[in-house]
Amino acid sequence: MKMLILRSGRRFDQLRACVPIVRTKTRKYGAVLDEHWLPTRRDWLILGANAAGKTRWLQRLHRHAPQIWRNQPALLLRAVDPIGAWSSDPRIQAHMEATSKQPWSKAKAWEKSDWLIRWVEHHHAVLLLDDAHQLAGRKLDIAQRLALVAGRIVTGASQESRIPINLRLALLRREPVVEALKSDAAYDATAVFLWLLILAALGAGAWQLAAILGGMKFLGRGSRAARQT
């Protein structure tokens, strides 16, 4: 398993600093297999299934962002939050009012989203994007535009291939450091078992049984079939 260690210290100018370190262990209290630091001058892509700890990593990084990225403000955006919560940060409101000389309360919803992008671009902010594989619609469009202007991006997703293609290409062009986490959550292995059973039936010459199992497998992948996320 991988653990995020935030090692505190002081810079040469005596300011407090924090170094993010990834420690790989056999288990929670087991032996240390590997330890390496995450470069703060590159983007990070944190992958893992549900309950792997991606959100916890991003929240810890967000809390210690002033010590990790010294001269860049950080903004945490979660895919499960309403789109209005993305632009409700007081720093964005202050930037809009100082720039446009208009009160934040008078701005329309789409204008607030645009000011979010302008604020990130103006400050070269660090963007922490949680559950990127769940983005769609207007949120996906905003995330794609943010990926073009953010100073650094830390992305959490279940799998790289599940991130929407346009956003995925924008993130991969930035050449992020990839960290894959493992989850203790149980997952359904019925599909793998069924394919092995079909192959075993074919190997034994029972093609009728293999055909029946294959038909059941095909029917189980219909448009109304339940799927895990």
Protein backbone atom coordinates (compact mmCIF):
# COMPACT_ATOMS: atom_id res chain seq x y z
CA MET A 1 0.00 0.00 0.00
CA LYS A 2 1.03 3.60 -0.62
CA MET A 3 0.97 6.32 2.00
CA LEU A 4 1.31 10.08 1.60
CA ILE A 5 3.86 11.54 4.02
CA LEU A 6 4.07 15.33 4.36
CA ARG A 7 7.50 16.00 5.81
CA SER A 8 7.77 19.43 7.41
CA GLY A 9 10.92 21.50 7.52
CA ARG A 10 12.34 24.92 6.81
CA ARG A 11 13.69 26.42 3.62
CA PHE A 12 16.99 28.23 3.30
CA ASP A 13 15.12 31.48 4.05
CA GLN A 14 13.73 29.93 7.28
CA LEU A 15 10.17 29.79 5.93
CA ARG A 16 8.19 26.66 6.71
CA ALA A 17 8.04 24.13 3.90
CA CYS A 18 6.44 20.75 3.33
CA VAL A 19 7.77 17.97 1.10
CA PRO A 20 5.21 15.41 -0.18
CA ILE A 21 6.64 11.89 -0.01
CA VAL A 22 5.06 8.65 -1.22
CA ARG A 23 5.95 5.66 0.95
CA THR A 24 5.17 2.12 -0.22
CA LYS A 25 4.70 -0.50 2.50
CA THR A 26 3.69 -4.15 2.60
CA ARG A 27 0.77 -3.20 4.87
CA LYS A 28 -0.19 -0.35 7.19
CA TYR A 29 2.39 -1.20 9.86
CA GLY A 30 4.61 -3.35 7.64
CA ALA A 31 8.08 -2.88 6.21
CA VAL A 32 8.88 0.05 3.92
CA LEU A 33 9.48 -1.11 0.34
CA ASP A 34 10.07 2.23 -1.36
CA GLU A 35 10.05 5.94 -0.66
CA HIS A 36 10.23 8.82 -3.13
CA TRP A 37 9.26 12.47 -3.17
CA LEU A 38 6.75 14.06 -5.52
CA PRO A 39 8.25 16.88 -7.62
CA THR A 40 6.34 20.10 -7.01
CA ARG A 41 7.27 21.47 -10.43
CA ARG A 42 5.25 18.81 -12.22
CA ASP A 43 1.59 17.79 -12.30
CA TRP A 44 0.38 14.67 -10.48
CA LEU A 45 -2.19 12.09 -11.56
CA ILE A 46 -3.47 9.97 -8.66
CA LEU A 47 -5.33 6.85 -9.78
CA GLY A 48 -7.21 4.29 -7.73
CA ALA A 49 -10.53 2.51 -7.33
CA ASN A 50 -13.23 3.56 -4.88
CA ALA A 51 -12.02 3.83 -1.26
CA ALA A 52 -8.38 3.85 -2.39
CA GLY A 53 -7.71 7.16 -0.61
CA LYS A 54 -7.57 9.61 -3.55
CA THR A 55 -9.87 12.17 -1.95
CA ARG A 56 -7.98 11.95 1.35
CA TRP A 57 -4.70 12.61 -0.47
CA LEU A 58 -6.11 15.65 -2.26
CA GLN A 59 -7.62 17.08 0.91
CA ARG A 60 -4.31 16.75 2.79
CA LEU A 61 -2.42 18.33 -0.09
CA HIS A 62 -4.94 21.18 -0.15
CA ARG A 63 -4.55 21.83 3.58
CA HIS A 64 -0.75 21.99 3.28
CA ALA A 65 -0.70 23.73 -0.11
CA PRO A 66 0.84 27.01 1.19
CA GLN A 67 3.89 25.06 2.40
CA ILE A 68 4.12 22.80 -0.69
CA TRP A 69 3.57 25.38 -3.45
CA ARG A 70 5.01 28.49 -1.89
CA ASN A 71 3.98 31.20 -4.35
CA GLN A 72 0.85 29.66 -5.87
CA PRO A 73 -2.64 29.59 -4.33
CA ALA A 74 -4.46 26.25 -4.42
CA LEU A 75 -8.06 25.47 -5.28
CA LEU A 76 -9.80 22.13 -4.61
CA LEU A 77 -12.64 21.25 -7.00
CA ARG A 78 -14.70 18.10 -6.42
CA ALA A 79 -16.80 16.58 -9.20
CA VAL A 80 -19.59 15.74 -6.73
CA ASP A 81 -20.00 19.37 -5.62
CA PRO A 82 -22.55 21.64 -7.35
CA ILE A 83 -21.09 23.87 -10.02
CA GLY A 84 -21.92 26.95 -7.96
CA ALA A 85 -19.60 25.75 -5.20
CA TRP A 86 -16.66 25.78 -7.61
CA SER A 87 -16.69 29.57 -7.92
CA SER A 88 -17.80 30.40 -4.36
CA ASP A 89 -14.24 30.90 -3.11
CA PRO A 90 -13.84 34.38 -1.52
CA ARG A 91 -10.56 34.88 -3.40
CA ILE A 92 -12.40 34.60 -6.72
CA GLN A 93 -15.05 37.04 -5.54
CA ALA A 94 -12.43 39.55 -4.42
CA HIS A 95 -10.58 39.25 -7.74
CA MET A 96 -13.77 39.83 -9.72
CA GLU A 97 -14.82 42.87 -7.69
CA ALA A 98 -11.34 44.40 -7.82
CA THR A 99 -11.04 43.87 -11.57
CA SER A 100 -14.53 44.67 -12.84
CA LYS A 101 -15.58 47.10 -10.08
CA GLN A 102 -18.92 45.27 -9.98
CA PRO A 103 -20.46 43.48 -6.97
CA TRP A 104 -20.24 39.70 -6.99
CA SER A 105 -23.95 39.40 -6.25
CA LYS A 106 -24.78 41.00 -9.62
CA ALA A 107 -22.78 38.48 -11.66
CA LYS A 108 -24.62 35.74 -13.54
CA ALA A 109 -23.86 32.07 -12.94
CA TRP A 110 -21.92 31.63 -16.18
CA GLU A 111 -19.95 34.83 -15.47
CA LYS A 112 -18.88 33.46 -12.09
CA SER A 113 -17.53 30.35 -13.82
CA ASP A 114 -15.60 32.55 -16.24
CA TRP A 115 -14.13 34.52 -13.34
CA LEU A 116 -13.03 31.23 -11.78
CA ILE A 117 -11.00 30.49 -14.91
CA ARG A 118 -9.61 34.04 -15.02
CA TRP A 119 -8.55 33.85 -11.37
CA VAL A 120 -6.72 30.54 -11.92
CA GLU A 121 -4.98 31.96 -15.00
CA HIS A 122 -4.05 35.24 -13.30
CA HIS A 123 -2.47 33.57 -10.26
CA HIS A 124 -1.17 30.42 -12.02
CA ALA A 125 -3.02 28.59 -9.27
CA VAL A 126 -2.60 24.95 -8.29
CA LEU A 127 -5.76 23.05 -9.24
CA LEU A 128 -6.69 19.93 -7.26
CA LEU A 129 -9.36 18.08 -9.24
CA ASP A 130 -11.10 15.22 -7.43
CA ASP A 131 -12.98 12.40 -9.23
CA ALA A 132 -12.17 13.69 -12.70
CA HIS A 133 -13.73 10.56 -14.24
CA GLN A 134 -17.17 11.77 -13.09
CA LEU A 135 -17.04 15.11 -14.88
CA ALA A 136 -19.56 15.83 -17.63
CA GLY A 137 -21.37 18.71 -19.28
CA ARG A 138 -20.61 22.22 -18.04
CA LYS A 139 -18.24 20.99 -15.31
CA LEU A 140 -16.20 19.09 -17.89
CA ASP A 141 -15.97 22.17 -20.11
CA ILE A 142 -14.75 24.30 -17.18
CA ALA A 143 -12.21 21.64 -16.16
CA GLN A 144 -10.85 21.47 -19.72
CA ARG A 145 -10.40 25.25 -19.83
CA LEU A 146 -8.76 25.22 -16.40
CA ALA A 147 -6.32 22.53 -17.57
CA LEU A 148 -5.02 24.97 -20.17
CA VAL A 149 -4.28 27.83 -17.76
CA ALA A 150 -3.53 26.29 -14.33
CA GLY A 151 -0.02 26.52 -12.95
CA ARG A 152 -0.09 22.95 -11.58
CA ILE A 153 -2.79 20.26 -11.62
CA VAL A 154 -3.25 17.39 -9.19
CA THR A 155 -5.93 15.06 -10.58
CA GLY A 156 -7.68 12.18 -8.87
CA ALA A 157 -9.50 9.53 -10.94
CA SER A 158 -10.40 5.86 -10.81
CA GLN A 159 -8.60 5.04 -14.07
CA GLU A 160 -6.79 7.10 -16.66
CA SER A 161 -8.96 5.62 -19.43
CA ARG A 162 -12.17 6.70 -17.66
CA ILE A 163 -11.29 10.41 -17.72
CA PRO A 164 -13.21 12.08 -20.60
CA ILE A 165 -10.98 12.06 -23.66
CA ASN A 166 -10.66 15.84 -24.17
CA LEU A 167 -9.73 16.43 -20.54
CA ARG A 168 -7.45 13.40 -20.53
CA LEU A 169 -5.48 14.66 -23.52
CA ALA A 170 -5.12 18.11 -21.94
CA LEU A 171 -3.81 16.53 -18.72
CA LEU A 172 -1.43 14.09 -20.42
CA ARG A 173 0.14 16.87 -22.51
CA ARG A 174 1.40 18.28 -19.22
CA GLU A 175 3.29 15.00 -18.56
CA PRO A 176 2.08 14.35 -14.99
CA VAL A 177 3.67 12.04 -12.45
CA VAL A 178 1.34 9.03 -12.05
CA GLU A 179 0.70 7.40 -8.68
CA ALA A 180 -1.55 4.31 -8.60
CA LEU A 181 -3.26 3.46 -5.30
CA LYS A 182 -4.79 0.14 -4.30
CA SER A 183 -8.19 -0.25 -2.69
CA ASP A 184 -9.30 -2.71 0.00
CA ALA A 185 -12.88 -2.55 -1.28
CA ALA A 186 -14.24 -5.82 -2.66
CA TYR A 187 -15.09 -5.88 -6.37
CA ASP A 188 -17.24 -8.27 -8.36
CA ALA A 189 -15.13 -10.84 -10.24
CA THR A 190 -18.11 -12.69 -11.74
CA ALA A 191 -17.26 -11.60 -15.29
CA VAL A 192 -13.72 -13.02 -15.10
CA PHE A 193 -14.98 -16.25 -13.54
CA LEU A 194 -17.65 -16.63 -16.25
CA TRP A 195 -15.13 -16.19 -19.07
CA LEU A 196 -12.86 -18.79 -17.49
CA LEU A 197 -15.84 -21.14 -17.22
CA ILE A 198 -16.66 -20.61 -20.91
CA LEU A 199 -13.06 -21.34 -21.92
CA ALA A 200 -13.03 -24.46 -19.74
CA ALA A 201 -16.26 -25.67 -21.37
CA LEU A 202 -14.82 -25.13 -24.83
CA GLY A 203 -11.64 -26.94 -23.85
CA ALA A 204 -13.68 -29.90 -22.61
CA GLY A 205 -15.67 -30.04 -25.85
CA ALA A 206 -18.94 -28.92 -24.24
CA TRP A 207 -19.64 -26.22 -26.80
CA GLN A 208 -23.37 -26.26 -26.04
CA LEU A 209 -22.69 -25.26 -22.44
CA ALA A 210 -20.20 -22.63 -23.63
CA ALA A 211 -22.82 -21.21 -26.01
CA ILE A 212 -25.41 -21.00 -23.22
CA LEU A 213 -22.98 -19.28 -20.86
CA GLY A 214 -21.89 -16.90 -23.62
CA GLY A 215 -25.52 -16.02 -24.31
CA MET A 216 -26.12 -15.32 -20.64
CA LYS A 217 -23.03 -13.14 -20.58
CA PHE A 218 -24.24 -11.22 -23.64
CA LEU A 219 -27.70 -10.65 -22.14
CA GLY A 220 -26.11 -9.40 -18.93
CA ARG A 221 -24.44 -6.54 -20.80
CA GLY A 222 -27.64 -4.97 -22.13
CA SER A 223 -28.52 -1.29 -21.87
CA ARG A 224 -30.49 -1.94 -18.68
CA ALA A 225 -27.86 -4.09 -17.01
CA ALA A 226 -26.36 -2.86 -13.73
CA ARG A 227 -22.77 -1.66 -13.94
CA GLN A 228 -20.21 -0.87 -11.26
CA THR A 229 -18.65 2.56 -11.14
